[in-house]
Protein backbone atom coordinates (compact mmCIF):
# COMPACT_ATOMS: atom_id res chain seq x y z
CA MET A 1 -1.68 -16.82 -24.54
CA PHE A 2 -0.53 -15.97 -20.94
CA TRP A 3 3.01 -14.85 -21.81
CA PRO A 4 1.86 -11.04 -22.59
CA LEU A 5 0.02 -11.26 -19.50
CA LEU A 6 2.99 -12.42 -17.03
CA LEU A 7 5.45 -9.38 -18.86
CA ALA A 8 2.69 -6.88 -17.38
CA LEU A 9 2.72 -8.02 -14.01
CA THR A 10 6.15 -8.36 -13.28
CA ALA A 11 6.35 -5.16 -14.47
CA LEU A 12 3.92 -4.16 -11.66
CA ASP A 13 4.93 -3.27 -8.72
CA ALA A 14 3.62 -5.86 -5.39
CA HIS A 15 2.69 -3.47 -3.23
CA GLU A 16 1.10 -0.26 -3.89
CA LEU A 17 0.04 1.05 -0.42
CA GLY A 18 0.66 4.82 -0.52
CA THR A 19 3.92 5.95 1.70
CA THR A 20 3.18 9.72 1.05
CA ARG A 21 2.63 11.41 4.45
CA VAL A 22 2.20 15.67 4.72
CA SER A 23 2.93 17.32 8.03
CA ALA A 24 1.64 21.16 8.25
CA SER A 25 2.23 23.42 10.44
CA PHE A 26 0.79 27.58 10.78
CA GLN A 27 2.47 29.54 13.31
CA PRO A 28 1.34 32.60 15.61
CA ASP A 29 4.40 34.33 13.67
CA MET A 30 2.16 34.56 10.55
CA THR A 31 4.72 32.18 8.53
CA TYR A 32 3.89 27.95 7.26
CA ARG A 33 6.01 25.79 6.95
CA ILE A 34 4.14 22.21 5.02
CA GLU A 35 6.64 19.24 4.35
CA ILE A 36 5.59 16.26 1.56
CA ALA A 37 7.63 12.80 2.06
CA THR A 38 7.55 10.21 -0.55
CA ASP A 39 8.24 7.72 -2.35
CA ALA A 40 11.12 9.56 -4.81
CA SER A 41 11.37 7.10 -7.90
CA SER A 42 7.29 6.85 -7.68
CA LEU A 43 7.39 10.91 -8.04
CA ALA A 44 9.72 11.07 -10.30
CA SER A 45 8.37 8.64 -12.99
CA LYS A 46 5.17 10.15 -12.29
CA LEU A 47 6.46 13.79 -13.22
CA ARG A 48 8.17 12.35 -16.43
CA ARG A 49 5.02 9.74 -17.33
CA SER A 50 7.12 7.23 -17.32
CA ALA A 51 6.84 3.46 -15.87
CA ALA A 52 10.42 2.98 -15.45
CA GLU A 53 11.92 3.33 -11.58
CA ILE A 54 14.75 5.31 -11.15
CA SER A 55 17.39 4.69 -8.00
CA ASP A 56 20.49 6.62 -8.86
CA LEU A 57 20.38 9.51 -6.04
CA ASP A 58 21.90 12.47 -8.55
CA GLN A 59 19.06 11.43 -11.08
CA LEU A 60 16.79 11.53 -8.90
CA ARG A 61 17.39 14.79 -7.61
CA SER A 62 17.51 16.17 -11.06
CA ILE A 63 14.60 14.72 -12.31
CA LEU A 64 12.62 16.26 -8.87
CA THR A 65 14.10 19.77 -9.49
CA ASP A 66 13.88 20.17 -13.05
CA PHE A 67 10.13 19.16 -12.92
CA GLU A 68 8.79 21.77 -10.80
CA PRO A 69 6.89 23.83 -12.11
CA GLN A 70 4.54 20.17 -13.40
CA PHE A 71 4.91 19.21 -9.56
CA ARG A 72 3.44 22.44 -8.18
CA GLU A 73 0.60 22.26 -10.53
CA ARG A 74 -0.73 19.36 -8.87
CA VAL A 75 -0.15 21.40 -5.24
CA LYS A 76 -2.61 23.18 -3.57
CA LEU A 77 -2.62 25.58 -1.32
CA GLY A 78 -4.97 28.38 -0.29
CA PHE A 79 -5.92 31.04 2.32
CA ASP A 80 -9.82 31.76 2.12
CA THR A 81 -10.23 32.12 -1.84
CA GLU A 82 -6.14 33.00 -2.30
CA GLU A 83 -3.97 30.72 -3.54
CA VAL A 84 -0.47 31.05 -2.64
CA ARG A 85 3.23 29.70 -4.39
CA PRO A 86 5.26 28.79 -1.40
CA ALA A 87 8.79 28.67 -1.66
CA LEU A 88 10.00 25.06 -2.89
CA SER A 89 12.88 23.07 -0.84
CA LEU A 90 14.02 19.30 -1.69
CA SER A 91 16.08 17.00 0.34
CA ILE A 92 16.39 12.72 -0.83
CA THR A 93 17.33 10.30 1.43
CA PRO A 94 18.77 6.82 0.66
CA ALA A 95 17.08 4.11 1.11
CA ILE A 96 17.65 2.26 4.34
CA ASP A 97 17.79 -1.14 2.45
CA LYS A 98 17.33 -2.90 -0.57
CA ASN A 99 13.46 -3.31 0.09
CA SER A 100 12.74 0.31 0.91
CA ALA A 101 11.80 3.72 -0.72
CA ILE A 102 14.41 6.65 -1.48
CA LEU A 103 12.94 9.43 0.45
CA ALA A 104 12.02 12.57 -1.26
CA THR A 105 11.18 15.53 1.37
CA ILE A 106 9.89 18.50 -0.64
CA VAL A 107 9.50 21.50 1.98
CA LEU A 108 6.60 24.66 1.33
CA THR A 109 7.39 27.62 3.46
CA GLY A 110 5.94 31.13 3.53
CA ALA A 111 3.61 33.89 4.65
CA ILE A 112 0.31 33.85 5.70
CA PRO A 113 -1.50 36.74 3.70
CA PRO A 114 -2.71 39.13 6.19
CA GLN A 115 -6.10 38.53 7.76
CA ALA A 116 -6.43 34.95 6.45
CA ARG A 117 -8.66 32.97 8.02
CA HIS A 118 -9.17 29.56 6.70
CA VAL A 119 -6.53 27.45 5.45
CA THR A 120 -6.84 24.26 2.37
CA TRP A 121 -4.81 21.85 1.15
CA SER A 122 -4.95 19.43 -1.84
CA TYR A 123 -2.10 16.77 -3.32
CA GLY A 124 -2.61 15.15 -6.55
CA TRP A 125 0.63 12.78 -6.77
CA THR A 126 -0.29 9.90 -5.02
CA PHE A 127 -3.01 7.53 -6.21
CA THR A 128 -3.81 6.16 -2.49
CA PRO A 129 -5.01 7.89 1.08
CA TYR A 130 -2.04 9.60 2.68
CA SER A 131 -1.79 11.23 6.18
CA PHE A 132 -2.03 14.76 6.40
CA THR A 133 -1.08 15.82 9.86
CA ILE A 134 -2.05 20.09 10.52
CA ARG A 135 -1.37 22.13 13.37
CA THR A 136 -3.11 25.57 12.83
CA GLY A 137 -3.15 26.44 17.00
CA GLY A 138 -2.96 23.43 19.13
CA ASP A 139 -2.29 19.91 19.24
CA PRO A 140 -1.70 18.30 15.91
CA ILE A 141 -4.90 16.22 14.29
CA VAL A 142 -4.21 13.61 11.50
CA GLU A 143 -6.74 13.52 8.20
CA TRP A 144 -6.76 10.87 5.65
CA LEU A 145 -7.16 12.46 2.53
CA GLU A 146 -7.59 11.11 -1.00
CA GLY A 147 -4.78 12.05 -3.62
CA GLY A 148 -6.39 15.26 -5.62
CA GLN A 149 -8.35 15.63 -2.94
CA GLN A 150 -9.07 19.56 -1.25
CA SER A 151 -9.10 19.08 1.84
CA LYS A 152 -11.89 20.52 4.79
CA PRO A 153 -11.14 24.36 5.36
CA PHE A 154 -8.98 24.44 8.61
CA LEU A 155 -9.74 27.30 11.15
CA LEU A 156 -6.37 29.42 11.76
CA GLY A 157 -5.34 29.58 14.86
CA ALA A 158 -8.45 26.77 15.99
CA ARG A 159 -8.11 23.95 18.30
CA TYR A 160 -9.36 20.86 16.53
CA SER A 161 -10.28 17.72 17.90
CA ALA A 162 -9.50 14.27 16.44
CA GLN A 163 -11.49 12.59 14.18
CA PRO A 164 -14.32 10.56 15.52
CA ARG A 165 -13.40 6.96 15.82
CA LEU A 166 -16.00 5.71 13.38
CA THR A 167 -14.75 7.68 10.53
CA PHE A 168 -10.99 6.79 12.03
CA MET A 169 -12.00 3.01 11.14
CA TRP A 170 -13.51 3.19 8.34
CA VAL A 171 -10.10 4.97 7.06
CA TYR A 172 -7.98 2.01 8.22
CA LEU A 173 -10.57 -0.59 6.80
CA LYS A 174 -10.14 0.88 3.34
CA LEU A 175 -6.84 0.69 3.56
CA GLY A 176 -6.90 -3.01 4.55
CA PHE A 177 -8.87 -3.69 1.72
CA THR A 178 -7.04 -1.42 -0.61
CA HIS A 179 -3.72 -3.11 0.08
CA ILE A 180 -5.32 -6.47 -0.96
CA PHE A 181 -7.31 -5.24 -3.29
CA PRO A 182 -6.38 -4.03 -6.03
CA HIS A 183 -2.82 -3.36 -4.82
CA GLY A 184 -1.63 -5.73 -3.23
CA LEU A 185 -1.27 -7.69 -6.57
CA ASP A 186 1.50 -10.34 -4.72
CA HIS A 187 -0.91 -11.22 -1.89
CA MET A 188 -3.79 -11.44 -4.71
CA LEU A 189 -1.94 -13.85 -6.52
CA PHE A 190 -1.56 -15.94 -3.17
CA VAL A 191 -4.99 -15.89 -2.90
CA VAL A 192 -5.79 -17.10 -6.43
CA GLY A 193 -3.95 -19.82 -6.52
CA LEU A 194 -5.19 -21.23 -2.93
CA PHE A 195 -8.73 -20.80 -4.88
CA LEU A 196 -7.16 -23.01 -7.82
CA LEU A 197 -6.31 -25.89 -6.39
CA SER A 198 -10.08 -27.06 -5.07
CA ARG A 199 -13.59 -26.44 -6.78
CA ARG A 200 -15.35 -27.00 -3.12
CA VAL A 201 -15.68 -23.41 -1.68
CA SER A 202 -15.75 -24.70 1.78
CA VAL A 203 -11.82 -26.20 1.32
CA VAL A 204 -10.74 -22.90 0.57
CA LEU A 205 -12.34 -21.30 3.02
CA TRP A 206 -10.50 -23.90 5.35
CA GLN A 207 -6.97 -22.22 3.69
CA VAL A 208 -8.49 -19.01 3.87
CA SER A 209 -9.13 -19.19 7.41
CA ALA A 210 -5.43 -20.91 8.37
CA PHE A 211 -3.64 -18.07 6.66
CA THR A 212 -5.96 -15.41 8.70
CA LEU A 213 -5.11 -16.81 11.65
CA ALA A 214 -1.61 -16.71 10.96
CA HIS A 215 -0.74 -13.38 9.84
CA SER A 216 -3.43 -11.92 12.27
CA ILE A 217 -0.91 -13.32 14.69
CA THR A 218 2.45 -11.98 13.55
CA LEU A 219 0.84 -8.55 12.21
CA ALA A 220 0.02 -8.04 15.74
CA LEU A 221 3.67 -9.23 17.27
CA SER A 222 5.42 -7.17 14.59
CA LEU A 223 3.49 -3.92 15.29
CA TYR A 224 4.00 -4.38 18.95
CA GLY A 225 7.86 -4.73 18.03
CA ILE A 226 7.81 -8.92 19.83
CA VAL A 227 9.27 -10.12 16.54
CA ARG A 228 11.49 -8.33 14.19
CA VAL A 229 12.50 -9.27 10.94
CA PRO A 230 13.76 -6.80 8.12
CA PRO A 231 11.85 -6.65 4.60
CA ALA A 232 14.89 -7.80 2.94
CA ILE A 233 14.49 -11.22 4.28
CA VAL A 234 10.44 -11.10 4.79
CA GLU A 235 9.39 -9.91 1.25
CA PRO A 236 11.54 -12.90 -1.16
CA LEU A 237 9.71 -15.25 1.08
CA ILE A 238 7.07 -13.87 0.78
CA ALA A 239 7.47 -14.09 -3.18
CA LEU A 240 9.00 -17.88 -2.50
CA SER A 241 5.38 -18.83 -0.40
CA ILE A 242 3.55 -17.74 -3.83
CA ALA A 243 5.65 -19.37 -6.98
CA TYR A 244 5.58 -22.88 -3.98
CA VAL A 245 1.70 -22.88 -3.98
CA ALA A 246 0.88 -21.90 -7.69
CA ILE A 247 4.13 -24.77 -8.37
CA GLU A 248 1.94 -26.76 -6.29
CA ASN A 249 -1.51 -26.53 -8.07
CA ILE A 250 0.50 -27.88 -11.20
CA PHE A 251 1.97 -30.99 -10.16
CA LEU A 252 -1.05 -31.74 -7.25
CA SER A 253 -5.05 -32.79 -8.44
CA GLU A 254 -6.50 -32.68 -4.94
CA LEU A 255 -6.18 -30.40 -1.63
CA LYS A 256 -3.37 -32.48 0.76
CA SER A 257 -3.89 -32.52 4.52
CA TRP A 258 -0.57 -31.05 4.70
CA ARG A 259 -1.34 -27.78 2.53
CA VAL A 260 -3.74 -26.49 5.37
CA ALA A 261 -0.54 -26.45 7.83
CA LEU A 262 1.89 -25.10 5.00
CA VAL A 263 -0.62 -22.43 4.17
CA PHE A 264 -0.58 -21.36 8.11
CA ALA A 265 3.45 -21.10 7.90
CA PHE A 266 3.33 -18.75 4.96
CA GLY A 267 0.32 -16.56 6.44
CA LEU A 268 2.95 -15.75 9.24
CA LEU A 269 5.47 -14.45 6.46
CA HIS A 270 2.83 -12.33 4.84
CA GLY A 271 1.60 -11.17 8.12
CA MET A 272 5.07 -9.46 8.71
CA GLY A 273 4.62 -7.95 5.40
CA PHE A 274 1.74 -6.35 6.49
CA ALA A 275 2.79 -4.92 9.37
CA GLY A 276 5.49 -3.25 7.04
CA ALA A 277 2.59 -1.80 5.37
CA LEU A 278 0.89 -0.74 8.02
CA GLN A 279 3.96 1.01 9.88
CA ALA A 280 4.83 2.22 6.70
CA VAL A 281 1.50 4.37 6.41
CA GLY A 282 2.22 5.32 10.21
CA LEU A 283 -0.40 3.90 13.23
CA PRO A 284 -1.31 7.09 16.10
CA ARG A 285 -0.72 5.95 19.35
CA ASN A 286 -4.00 7.04 21.52
CA GLU A 287 -5.46 4.51 18.61
CA PHE A 288 -3.30 1.74 17.94
CA LEU A 289 -5.13 -1.29 19.22
CA THR A 290 -7.85 -0.01 16.79
CA ALA A 291 -6.44 0.99 13.80
CA LEU A 292 -4.28 -2.28 13.80
CA ILE A 293 -8.08 -4.63 14.29
CA THR A 294 -9.64 -2.63 11.59
CA PHE A 295 -6.84 -2.52 9.02
CA ASN A 296 -6.62 -6.21 9.73
CA ALA A 297 -10.49 -6.72 8.69
CA GLY A 298 -9.88 -4.70 5.51
CA VAL A 299 -7.15 -7.08 4.60
CA GLU A 300 -9.57 -9.53 5.14
CA ALA A 301 -12.69 -8.54 3.47
CA GLY A 302 -9.75 -7.58 0.40
CA GLN A 303 -9.25 -11.47 0.54
CA LEU A 304 -12.91 -12.75 0.54
CA ALA A 305 -13.18 -10.14 -2.75
CA VAL A 306 -10.27 -11.53 -4.93
CA ILE A 307 -12.13 -15.28 -3.79
CA ALA A 308 -15.48 -13.92 -4.85
CA VAL A 309 -14.34 -12.27 -8.29
CA ALA A 310 -12.16 -15.34 -8.88
CA PHE A 311 -15.23 -17.73 -8.61
CA LEU A 312 -17.66 -15.74 -10.34
CA VAL A 313 -14.64 -15.13 -13.37
CA LEU A 314 -13.70 -19.04 -13.02
CA GLY A 315 -15.25 -20.88 -11.02
CA TRP A 316 -18.77 -20.89 -11.27
CA PHE A 317 -19.29 -22.42 -14.40
CA SER A 318 -16.25 -23.80 -15.66
CA ALA A 319 -14.44 -25.61 -12.27
CA ARG A 320 -16.98 -28.97 -12.94
CA GLN A 321 -15.79 -28.98 -16.67
CA PRO A 322 -13.53 -32.26 -17.40
CA TRP A 323 -11.10 -29.13 -18.89
CA TYR A 324 -11.25 -27.14 -16.66
CA ARG A 325 -7.40 -28.37 -15.09
CA ALA A 326 -5.70 -28.42 -17.74
CA ARG A 327 -6.56 -25.11 -19.64
CA VAL A 328 -7.39 -22.81 -16.13
CA VAL A 329 -5.72 -24.49 -13.30
CA VAL A 330 -2.37 -25.37 -14.69
CA PRO A 331 -1.77 -22.45 -17.06
CA ILE A 332 -2.53 -19.92 -14.82
CA SER A 333 -0.65 -21.52 -11.74
CA ALA A 334 1.90 -21.76 -14.31
CA MET A 335 1.68 -17.65 -14.91
CA ILE A 336 1.23 -17.09 -11.33
CA ALA A 337 4.52 -19.17 -10.73
CA CYS A 338 7.04 -17.18 -13.13
CA THR A 339 5.67 -14.23 -11.60
CA ALA A 340 6.49 -15.06 -8.76
CA VAL A 341 9.87 -16.50 -9.32
CA TYR A 342 10.57 -13.50 -10.94
CA TRP A 343 9.43 -11.28 -7.55
CA THR A 344 12.06 -13.48 -5.59
CA ILE A 345 14.90 -13.05 -7.55
CA GLU A 346 13.80 -8.65 -8.16
CA ARG A 347 13.69 -8.63 -4.09
CA LEU A 348 17.10 -10.43 -3.64
CA GLY A 349 18.62 -7.81 -5.71
């Protein structure tokens, strides 16, 4: 009964944190330039309404070019009440390594309508928050928008101040939370693996605390450039750590003292993965530490949400039943292990 679910899990991408960035500049000479940088394969699959990802550069370029009319349907640029149709150009940049995305850069250009006072923007080809950097007259500012959300009207020529700090903190808190729940399938399976071996909440929290301390260390060290490990090494090892925990659940019936130390070591790996995700969405220099702390807090909240869901679904009524291990722990751990092994092979190329 678990194999259809296993196949569905392996078909999912383990990381869904958005990497789309949009920058817009509105010049005194009454022209504008908007640059959208996004995952080319993901965009192509959305345009074709297909789950299959494509890695061939020429094929990606052809799809993105042929589907330009569909692309424009979810891209809205408006001046006051008038929607405009910008000129569009496209470039494809190969991935820098096998764990990076092929980058599509779409550039929109045109003339600002005479007498226009306000501009609004909407981009609907991402399902996660993305950064929108806009310059209308002074220094650029960064807003975070949901996919499909229309921005507030920006006054052309105005000098805007940065987002209020509480708003900024809330954005990065949400990014950290959604990187785990619901978009970080690999990290969710790791936390579920920690939950399955013990029926006691205190034991689960000890493991999660060790994991939290460890990934907080490498998240900070990686973002400050002190530790640098390529994603080609980190990502397969993260998948292996998930497989190990799940396999251990099958062969052990109780927690061993050395498991906490091992979970700490695995947390060091996952922290470097979190750092890669946070670097992908961008870190403002003037709020670097604030973004780091609030993103990490969001990650912790996401992990606790996974534990809460697992406890409600599996733990509170069935953990004390004699059949719990045979019917719940072992089958789910086997499913997680198979999924993680698949990811390991996939990430190794």
